[in-house]
Amino acid sequence: MNIPKGFIPVMLTPFTPEMAVNVPCLRQLTEFYLDNGAVGLFANCLSSEMYELSSAERLLVIDTVVKQAAGRVPVVATGTLGGSIEEMAEFSKQVYALGVDAVIILNNQFVSAEESDAEFLARVHAWLALTPGIPFGIYECPVPYKRLISLPVLEDLLATGRLCYHKDTSLSLTDVQAKINAGKGHVFGLYDAYIEHATASLQAGSMGLSCIQGNFFPDLIVELCRAPEQGNHIQKFMCKHMQLMHDVYPISAKYVLANMGFPIGLETRRLVGELTPEIRSKLDKLIEERKNLLD
């Protein structure tokens, strides 16, 4: 996998009013990310509502994104969403056959929260044996529970020569720096999800950002990745509004995109609460503040 430096969005999934995957809008959304400077795409992730999609819909989403991207940037997508190791391996092979550059595994799908790193590694190596030759990445997905990748686990998997991508959600700059150091000498990129230390993470050597704020203002996250030493104002803006952006997400992101001119509906299958008039008003003010940010 080519490991690009910059912003890799955790893609949204647009739906029709009847709650079907809106394939034409998804094609447009893929172009929207690319037009704004994304260097890669993460399809079928938590922001994509992967847990609310059927297996067939997950494959449809991934296939749509891969075909629309048409090799212009690498595409990664989740391939392990529960079931036995054999079932996850089979679905991962289906995902890889669509043309993704790497299959993403969710570490919280291999073991329970109480099980050890040794048990986790044993099951991942079993998955690796069933998916020969497939490059993979790890996403520390916070749902259904958050399990972080320890440094010994990362080093073990880097030694396979197949781990190329890691979306870090540790919220710890110390952990991020340790993982970056471990990855030196490997074809490997760490993409940070935490906006509060984004500039420091980029300056420490992370390959880029993969944060939900990019689903509101992708151009700003691209700019931050390109010039982190000049991006403190962008980081401060994102941190100031971080809680608002998490409220009723991903509806909030779709609302902002729609009100800035992108033709996406507000439909979501996730149970995230109501987009109240109060939240709408705050998001309207957020849009106005963003318009003035670079003036």
Foldseek 3Di string as FASTA:
>chain_A
DQQAFFEEEADAFFADPVGHGPLVLLLVSLVVLVVLPHQEYEALDVNNVNVPDDLVSSLVSLLSNCVSCVPVHAYEYEQADADALLNSLVSQVSSVVSPGQAYEYELCRQDPPPDDLVSSLVSVVVSCVSNDPGAYEYEQDPPPHGDFQDLVSLLVVQVVLRYAEYEDDPLDLVRLLSSQVSCPPGNHAYAYADLLCQLVSLVSPGSAHHYNVCLQPVNLRRVCSVCVVPNPLSSVLCVVCVVLPLQLPPLLSQLNCVVVPRPGDSDDPDDRDDCDPVSNVVSVVSSVCVVPSVD
